[in-house]
PDB file of N, CA and C in Angstrom:
ATOM      1  N   MET A   1     -26.888   2.635  11.506  1.00  0.00           N
ATOM      2  CA  MET A   1     -26.027   2.753  10.401  1.00  0.00           C
ATOM      3  C   MET A   1     -24.546   2.555  10.587  1.00  0.00           C
ATOM      4  N   SER A   2     -23.910   1.504   9.982  1.00  0.00           N
ATOM      5  CA  SER A   2     -22.477   1.742  10.396  1.00  0.00           C
ATOM      6  C   SER A   2     -21.818   2.524   9.551  1.00  0.00           C
ATOM      7  N   SER A   3     -20.633   3.065  10.201  1.00  0.00           N
ATOM      8  CA  SER A   3     -19.813   3.977   9.321  1.00  0.00           C
ATOM      9  C   SER A   3     -18.965   3.458   8.403  1.00  0.00           C
ATOM     10  N   PRO A   4     -18.497   3.920   7.429  1.00  0.00           N
ATOM     11  CA  PRO A   4     -17.582   3.417   6.386  1.00  0.00           C
ATOM     12  C   PRO A   4     -16.455   3.162   6.841  1.00  0.00           C
ATOM     13  N   ALA A   5     -15.511   2.133   6.423  1.00  0.00           N
ATOM     14  CA  ALA A   5     -14.267   1.618   6.853  1.00  0.00           C
ATOM     15  C   ALA A   5     -13.311   3.050   6.362  1.00  0.00           C
ATOM     16  N   ASN A   6     -12.238   3.237   7.218  1.00  0.00           N
ATOM     17  CA  ASN A   6     -11.360   4.279   7.185  1.00  0.00           C
ATOM     18  C   ASN A   6     -10.266   3.652   6.063  1.00  0.00           C
ATOM     19  N   PRO A   7     -10.496   4.009   4.925  1.00  0.00           N
ATOM     20  CA  PRO A   7      -9.468   3.781   3.909  1.00  0.00           C
ATOM     21  C   PRO A   7      -8.008   4.185   4.273  1.00  0.00           C
ATOM     22  N   SER A   8      -7.820   5.246   4.956  1.00  0.00           N
ATOM     23  CA  SER A   8      -6.500   5.946   5.241  1.00  0.00           C
ATOM     24  C   SER A   8      -5.657   4.543   6.274  1.00  0.00           C
ATOM     25  N   ALA A   9      -6.852   4.250   7.137  1.00  0.00           N
ATOM     26  CA  ALA A   9      -6.144   3.417   8.235  1.00  0.00           C
ATOM     27  C   ALA A   9      -5.585   1.835   7.354  1.00  0.00           C
ATOM     28  N   SER A  10      -6.316   1.651   6.211  1.00  0.00           N
ATOM     29  CA  SER A  10      -5.963   0.140   5.670  1.00  0.00           C
ATOM     30  C   SER A  10      -4.584   0.757   5.090  1.00  0.00           C
ATOM     31  N   VAL A  11      -4.368   1.612   4.279  1.00  0.00           N
ATOM     32  CA  VAL A  11      -3.297   2.300   3.667  1.00  0.00           C
ATOM     33  C   VAL A  11      -2.061   2.210   4.539  1.00  0.00           C
ATOM     34  N   THR A  12      -2.338   2.576   5.635  1.00  0.00           N
ATOM     35  CA  THR A  12      -1.216   3.053   6.634  1.00  0.00           C
ATOM     36  C   THR A  12      -0.856   1.437   7.041  1.00  0.00           C
ATOM     37  N   LYS A  13      -1.711   0.619   7.261  1.00  0.00           N
ATOM     38  CA  LYS A  13      -1.410  -0.673   7.610  1.00  0.00           C
ATOM     39  C   LYS A  13      -0.572  -1.217   6.743  1.00  0.00           C
ATOM     40  N   ILE A  14      -0.746  -1.159   5.194  1.00  0.00           N
ATOM     41  CA  ILE A  14      -0.123  -1.808   4.057  1.00  0.00           C
ATOM     42  C   ILE A  14       1.387  -1.099   4.243  1.00  0.00           C
ATOM     43  N   LEU A  15       1.380   0.318   4.430  1.00  0.00           N
ATOM     44  CA  LEU A  15       2.619   0.708   4.268  1.00  0.00           C
ATOM     45  C   LEU A  15       3.407   0.360   5.379  1.00  0.00           C
ATOM     46  N   THR A  16       2.944   0.129   6.469  1.00  0.00           N
ATOM     47  CA  THR A  16       3.909  -0.507   7.597  1.00  0.00           C
ATOM     48  C   THR A  16       4.155  -1.820   7.332  1.00  0.00           C
ATOM     49  N   GLU A  17       3.424  -2.801   6.855  1.00  0.00           N
ATOM     50  CA  GLU A  17       3.987  -4.140   6.493  1.00  0.00           C
ATOM     51  C   GLU A  17       5.135  -4.150   5.495  1.00  0.00           C
ATOM     52  N   VAL A  18       4.806  -3.368   4.343  1.00  0.00           N
ATOM     53  CA  VAL A  18       5.955  -3.337   3.264  1.00  0.00           C
ATOM     54  C   VAL A  18       7.101  -2.677   3.901  1.00  0.00           C
ATOM     55  N   ARG A  19       7.007  -1.412   4.364  1.00  0.00           N
ATOM     56  CA  ARG A  19       8.208  -1.257   5.272  1.00  0.00           C
ATOM     57  C   ARG A  19       9.012  -2.168   5.966  1.00  0.00           C
ATOM     58  N   GLU A  20       8.341  -3.120   6.629  1.00  0.00           N
ATOM     59  CA  GLU A  20       8.898  -3.842   7.594  1.00  0.00           C
ATOM     60  C   GLU A  20       9.459  -5.257   6.842  1.00  0.00           C
ATOM     61  N   SER A  21       8.720  -5.558   5.817  1.00  0.00           N
ATOM     62  CA  SER A  21       8.819  -7.077   5.385  1.00  0.00           C
ATOM     63  C   SER A  21       9.757  -6.791   4.040  1.00  0.00           C
ATOM     64  N   LYS A  22       9.746  -5.674   3.323  1.00  0.00           N
ATOM     65  CA  LYS A  22      10.132  -5.191   2.025  1.00  0.00           C
ATOM     66  C   LYS A  22       9.532  -6.343   0.754  1.00  0.00           C
ATOM     67  N   HIS A  23       8.251  -6.880   1.390  1.00  0.00           N
ATOM     68  CA  HIS A  23       7.637  -7.542   0.443  1.00  0.00           C
ATOM     69  C   HIS A  23       6.104  -6.791   0.232  1.00  0.00           C
ATOM     70  N   LEU A  24       5.564  -6.790  -0.990  1.00  0.00           N
ATOM     71  CA  LEU A  24       4.255  -6.172  -1.533  1.00  0.00           C
ATOM     72  C   LEU A  24       3.348  -7.349  -1.930  1.00  0.00           C
ATOM     73  N   ILE A  25       2.231  -7.528  -1.166  1.00  0.00           N
ATOM     74  CA  ILE A  25       1.240  -8.728  -1.640  1.00  0.00           C
ATOM     75  C   ILE A  25       0.585  -8.061  -2.827  1.00  0.00           C
ATOM     76  N   THR A  26       0.494  -9.018  -3.779  1.00  0.00           N
ATOM     77  CA  THR A  26      -0.346  -8.427  -4.931  1.00  0.00           C
ATOM     78  C   THR A  26      -1.638  -7.521  -4.901  1.00  0.00           C
ATOM     79  N   SER A  27      -2.171  -8.149  -3.769  1.00  0.00           N
ATOM     80  CA  SER A  27      -3.588  -7.446  -3.675  1.00  0.00           C
ATOM     81  C   SER A  27      -3.443  -6.076  -2.805  1.00  0.00           C
ATOM     82  N   ASN A  28      -2.193  -6.070  -2.219  1.00  0.00           N
ATOM     83  CA  ASN A  28      -1.942  -4.473  -1.612  1.00  0.00           C
ATOM     84  C   ASN A  28      -1.393  -3.901  -2.568  1.00  0.00           C
ATOM     85  N   ARG A  29      -0.804  -4.265  -3.565  1.00  0.00           N
ATOM     86  CA  ARG A  29      -0.395  -3.381  -4.601  1.00  0.00           C
ATOM     87  C   ARG A  29      -1.631  -2.915  -4.987  1.00  0.00           C
ATOM     88  N   HIS A  30      -2.457  -3.545  -5.471  1.00  0.00           N
ATOM     89  CA  HIS A  30      -3.629  -3.068  -6.352  1.00  0.00           C
ATOM     90  C   HIS A  30      -4.298  -1.883  -5.467  1.00  0.00           C
ATOM     91  N   SER A  31      -4.443  -2.057  -4.103  1.00  0.00           N
ATOM     92  CA  SER A  31      -4.979  -1.359  -3.144  1.00  0.00           C
ATOM     93  C   SER A  31      -4.377  -0.012  -3.157  1.00  0.00           C
ATOM     94  N   LEU A  32      -3.125  -0.093  -3.147  1.00  0.00           N
ATOM     95  CA  LEU A  32      -2.233   1.332  -3.018  1.00  0.00           C
ATOM     96  C   LEU A  32      -2.517   1.839  -4.283  1.00  0.00           C
ATOM     97  N   MET A  33      -2.306   1.209  -5.308  1.00  0.00           N
ATOM     98  CA  MET A  33      -2.423   1.830  -6.634  1.00  0.00           C
ATOM     99  C   MET A  33      -3.939   2.820  -6.783  1.00  0.00           C
ATOM    100  N   ALA A  34      -5.018   2.026  -6.214  1.00  0.00           N
ATOM    101  CA  ALA A  34      -6.502   2.479  -6.343  1.00  0.00           C
ATOM    102  C   ALA A  34      -6.320   3.697  -5.164  1.00  0.00           C
ATOM    103  N   ALA A  35      -5.524   3.765  -3.902  1.00  0.00           N
ATOM    104  CA  ALA A  35      -5.586   4.418  -2.979  1.00  0.00           C
ATOM    105  C   ALA A  35      -4.983   5.980  -3.421  1.00  0.00           C
ATOM    106  N   ILE A  36      -3.916   5.776  -4.185  1.00  0.00           N
ATOM    107  CA  ILE A  36      -3.235   6.869  -4.488  1.00  0.00           C
ATOM    108  C   ILE A  36      -4.298   8.133  -5.391  1.00  0.00           C
ATOM    109  N   PHE A  37      -5.306   7.581  -5.976  1.00  0.00           N
ATOM    110  CA  PHE A  37      -6.346   8.269  -6.499  1.00  0.00           C
ATOM    111  C   PHE A  37      -7.318   8.845  -5.587  1.00  0.00           C
ATOM    112  N   ASP A  38      -7.262   8.612  -4.423  1.00  0.00           N
ATOM    113  CA  ASP A  38      -8.099   9.106  -3.318  1.00  0.00           C
ATOM    114  C   ASP A  38      -7.862  10.578  -2.875  1.00  0.00           C
ATOM    115  N   GLU A  39      -8.503  11.583  -3.215  1.00  0.00           N
ATOM    116  CA  GLU A  39      -8.136  12.964  -3.095  1.00  0.00           C
ATOM    117  C   GLU A  39      -8.005  13.175  -1.486  1.00  0.00           C
ATOM    118  N   THR A  40      -8.698  12.244  -0.237  1.00  0.00           N
ATOM    119  CA  THR A  40      -8.456  12.643   0.736  1.00  0.00           C
ATOM    120  C   THR A  40      -7.196  12.193   1.489  1.00  0.00           C
ATOM    121  N   LEU A  41      -6.566  11.257   0.691  1.00  0.00           N
ATOM    122  CA  LEU A  41      -5.434  10.563   1.419  1.00  0.00           C
ATOM    123  C   LEU A  41      -4.522  11.590   1.875  1.00  0.00           C
ATOM    124  N   PRO A  42      -3.780  11.425   3.029  1.00  0.00           N
ATOM    125  CA  PRO A  42      -2.860  12.326   3.415  1.00  0.00           C
ATOM    126  C   PRO A  42      -1.747  12.527   2.555  1.00  0.00           C
ATOM    127  N   GLU A  43      -0.989  13.483   2.330  1.00  0.00           N
ATOM    128  CA  GLU A  43       0.213  13.715   1.360  1.00  0.00           C
ATOM    129  C   GLU A  43       1.350  13.076   1.956  1.00  0.00           C
ATOM    130  N   GLN A  44       1.414  12.731   3.114  1.00  0.00           N
ATOM    131  CA  GLN A  44       2.677  11.671   3.658  1.00  0.00           C
ATOM    132  C   GLN A  44       2.399  10.430   2.925  1.00  0.00           C
ATOM    133  N   ASP A  45       1.069   9.875   3.094  1.00  0.00           N
ATOM    134  CA  ASP A  45       0.782   8.697   2.477  1.00  0.00           C
ATOM    135  C   ASP A  45       0.814   8.467   1.121  1.00  0.00           C
ATOM    136  N   ARG A  46       0.379   9.701   0.583  1.00  0.00           N
ATOM    137  CA  ARG A  46       0.627   9.660  -1.034  1.00  0.00           C
ATOM    138  C   ARG A  46       2.042   9.548  -1.448  1.00  0.00           C
ATOM    139  N   GLN A  47       3.130  10.172  -1.040  1.00  0.00           N
ATOM    140  CA  GLN A  47       4.317  10.047  -1.211  1.00  0.00           C
ATOM    141  C   GLN A  47       5.005   8.950  -0.813  1.00  0.00           C
ATOM    142  N   GLU A  48       4.688   8.254   0.508  1.00  0.00           N
ATOM    143  CA  GLU A  48       5.013   6.843   0.844  1.00  0.00           C
ATOM    144  C   GLU A  48       4.552   6.068  -0.317  1.00  0.00           C
ATOM    145  N   ILE A  49       3.345   5.969  -0.737  1.00  0.00           N
ATOM    146  CA  ILE A  49       2.941   5.067  -1.751  1.00  0.00           C
ATOM    147  C   ILE A  49       3.929   5.309  -3.021  1.00  0.00           C
ATOM    148  N   THR A  50       4.138   6.564  -3.566  1.00  0.00           N
ATOM    149  CA  THR A  50       4.948   6.713  -4.529  1.00  0.00           C
ATOM    150  C   THR A  50       6.601   6.154  -4.651  1.00  0.00           C
ATOM    151  N   HIS A  51       6.858   6.326  -3.034  1.00  0.00           N
ATOM    152  CA  HIS A  51       8.375   5.747  -3.014  1.00  0.00           C
ATOM    153  C   HIS A  51       8.328   4.184  -3.087  1.00  0.00           C
ATOM    154  N   ILE A  52       7.222   3.417  -2.225  1.00  0.00           N
ATOM    155  CA  ILE A  52       7.138   2.194  -2.487  1.00  0.00           C
ATOM    156  C   ILE A  52       6.980   1.680  -3.907  1.00  0.00           C
ATOM    157  N   ILE A  53       6.189   2.353  -4.613  1.00  0.00           N
ATOM    158  CA  ILE A  53       6.070   1.710  -6.149  1.00  0.00           C
ATOM    159  C   ILE A  53       7.317   2.221  -6.760  1.00  0.00           C
ATOM    160  N   HIS A  54       7.920   3.380  -6.544  1.00  0.00           N
ATOM    161  CA  HIS A  54       9.399   3.497  -7.220  1.00  0.00           C
ATOM    162  C   HIS A  54      10.539   2.142  -6.846  1.00  0.00           C
ATOM    163  N   ASN A  55      10.402   1.813  -5.426  1.00  0.00           N
ATOM    164  CA  ASN A  55      11.223   0.906  -5.043  1.00  0.00           C
ATOM    165  C   ASN A  55      11.028  -0.411  -5.512  1.00  0.00           C
ATOM    166  N   THR A  56       9.600  -0.820  -5.858  1.00  0.00           N
ATOM    167  CA  THR A  56       9.299  -1.961  -6.460  1.00  0.00           C
ATOM    168  C   THR A  56       9.501  -2.083  -8.161  1.00  0.00           C
ATOM    169  N   MET A  57       9.402  -0.897  -8.599  1.00  0.00           N
ATOM    170  CA  MET A  57       9.958  -0.786 -10.080  1.00  0.00           C
ATOM    171  C   MET A  57      11.426  -1.321 -10.053  1.00  0.00           C
ATOM    172  N   HIS A  58      12.240  -0.610  -9.158  1.00  0.00           N
ATOM    173  CA  HIS A  58      13.525  -0.979  -9.076  1.00  0.00           C
ATOM    174  C   HIS A  58      14.019  -2.312  -8.350  1.00  0.00           C
ATOM    175  N   GLY A  59      13.206  -3.407  -8.016  1.00  0.00           N
ATOM    176  CA  GLY A  59      13.695  -4.374  -7.488  1.00  0.00           C
ATOM    177  C   GLY A  59      14.036  -4.200  -5.763  1.00  0.00           C
ATOM    178  N   ASN A  60      13.752  -3.294  -5.011  1.00  0.00           N
ATOM    179  CA  ASN A  60      14.179  -3.046  -3.790  1.00  0.00           C
ATOM    180  C   ASN A  60      13.216  -3.664  -2.700  1.00  0.00           C
ATOM    181  N   ILE A  61      12.027  -3.833  -3.293  1.00  0.00           N
ATOM    182  CA  ILE A  61      10.722  -4.313  -2.923  1.00  0.00           C
ATOM    183  C   ILE A  61      10.142  -5.596  -3.804  1.00  0.00           C
ATOM    184  N   GLN A  62      10.069  -6.399  -3.275  1.00  0.00           N
ATOM    185  CA  GLN A  62       9.468  -7.774  -3.982  1.00  0.00           C
ATOM    186  C   GLN A  62       7.930  -7.724  -3.934  1.00  0.00           C
ATOM    187  N   VAL A  63       7.218  -8.091  -4.801  1.00  0.00           N
ATOM    188  CA  VAL A  63       5.918  -8.400  -4.931  1.00  0.00           C
ATOM    189  C   VAL A  63       5.636  -9.932  -4.892  1.00  0.00           C
ATOM    190  N   ALA A  64       4.943 -10.413  -3.825  1.00  0.00           N
ATOM    191  CA  ALA A  64       4.891 -11.756  -3.466  1.00  0.00           C
ATOM    192  C   ALA A  64       3.330 -12.168  -3.503  1.00  0.00           C
ATOM    193  N   GLN A  65       3.188 -13.472  -3.680  1.00  0.00           N
ATOM    194  CA  GLN A  65       1.702 -13.813  -3.662  1.00  0.00           C
ATOM    195  C   GLN A  65       1.367 -13.980  -2.284  1.00  0.00           C
ATOM    196  N   PRO A  66       0.256 -13.875  -1.798  1.00  0.00           N
ATOM    197  CA  PRO A  66      -0.176 -13.974  -0.205  1.00  0.00           C
ATOM    198  C   PRO A  66      -0.112 -15.439  -0.246  1.00  0.00           C
ATOM    199  N   LYS A  67       0.383 -15.863   1.423  1.00  0.00           N
ATOM    200  CA  LYS A  67       0.707 -17.071   1.926  1.00  0.00           C
ATOM    201  C   LYS A  67      -0.377 -17.969   1.900  1.00  0.00           C
ATOM    202  N   GLY A  68      -0.106 -19.084   1.423  1.00  0.00           N
ATOM    203  CA  GLY A  68      -1.493 -20.255   1.130  1.00  0.00           C
ATOM    204  C   GLY A  68      -2.048 -20.286  -0.211  1.00  0.00           C
ATOM    205  N   ILE A  69      -1.294 -19.401  -0.927  1.00  0.00           N
ATOM    206  CA  ILE A  69      -1.940 -19.464  -2.508  1.00  0.00           C
ATOM    207  C   ILE A  69      -0.837 -20.454  -3.285  1.00  0.00           C
TER     208      ILE A  69
END
Protein backbone atom coordinates (compact mmCIF):
# COMPACT_ATOMS: atom_id res chain seq x y z
CA MET A 1 0.00 0.00 0.00
CA SER A 2 1.33 3.45 -0.87
CA SER A 3 1.55 6.18 1.73
CA PRO A 4 -0.67 9.26 1.40
CA ALA A 5 0.76 12.38 -0.19
CA ASN A 6 2.32 14.89 2.17
CA PRO A 7 -0.04 17.89 2.07
CA SER A 8 2.49 20.04 3.92
CA ALA A 9 5.01 19.52 1.10
CA SER A 10 2.40 20.64 -1.45
CA VAL A 11 1.60 23.73 0.60
CA THR A 12 5.30 24.54 0.95
CA LYS A 13 5.73 24.29 -2.83
CA ILE A 14 2.78 26.64 -3.42
CA LEU A 15 4.08 29.12 -0.84
CA THR A 16 7.50 29.14 -2.50
CA GLU A 17 6.01 29.71 -5.97
CA VAL A 18 3.84 32.59 -4.73
CA ARG A 19 6.73 34.16 -2.83
CA GLU A 20 8.91 34.11 -5.97
CA SER A 21 6.35 35.09 -8.62
CA LYS A 22 3.88 37.30 -6.68
CA HIS A 23 1.15 35.40 -8.56
CA LEU A 24 -1.32 32.92 -7.10
CA ILE A 25 -2.90 30.46 -9.52
CA THR A 26 -6.63 30.00 -8.91
CA SER A 27 -6.35 26.28 -8.10
CA ASN A 28 -3.50 26.97 -5.66
CA ARG A 29 -5.63 29.62 -3.96
CA HIS A 30 -8.29 26.99 -3.32
CA SER A 31 -5.65 24.56 -2.04
CA LEU A 32 -4.31 27.15 0.41
CA MET A 33 -7.80 28.01 1.65
CA ALA A 34 -8.44 24.30 2.31
CA ALA A 35 -5.02 23.81 3.91
CA ILE A 36 -5.66 26.51 6.49
CA PHE A 37 -8.18 24.12 8.10
CA ASP A 38 -5.66 21.26 8.33
CA GLU A 39 -4.87 20.89 12.02
CA THR A 40 -1.54 19.20 11.23
CA LEU A 41 -0.27 22.18 9.21
CA PRO A 42 2.79 23.75 10.87
CA GLU A 43 2.13 27.14 12.45
CA GLN A 44 4.75 28.80 10.22
CA ASP A 45 2.91 27.62 7.07
CA ARG A 46 -0.42 28.70 8.56
CA GLN A 47 0.95 32.21 9.20
CA GLU A 48 2.41 32.43 5.71
CA ILE A 49 -0.92 31.40 4.14
CA THR A 50 -2.64 34.11 6.17
CA HIS A 51 -0.01 36.60 4.97
CA ILE A 52 -0.54 35.58 1.31
CA ILE A 53 -4.32 35.87 1.62
CA HIS A 54 -3.92 39.32 3.20
CA ASN A 55 -1.55 40.45 0.41
CA THR A 56 -3.91 39.07 -2.24
CA MET A 57 -6.81 41.05 -0.78
CA HIS A 58 -4.67 44.21 -0.86
CA GLY A 59 -3.51 43.65 -4.46
CA ASN A 60 0.14 42.89 -3.67
CA ILE A 61 -0.25 39.34 -5.03
CA GLN A 62 -2.20 38.79 -8.23
CA VAL A 63 -4.56 35.86 -8.79
CA ALA A 64 -3.89 34.36 -12.22
CA GLN A 65 -5.26 31.60 -14.40
CA PRO A 66 -2.89 28.71 -15.10
CA LYS A 67 -0.91 29.06 -18.33
CA GLY A 68 -2.51 27.35 -21.28
CA ILE A 69 -6.10 28.16 -20.32
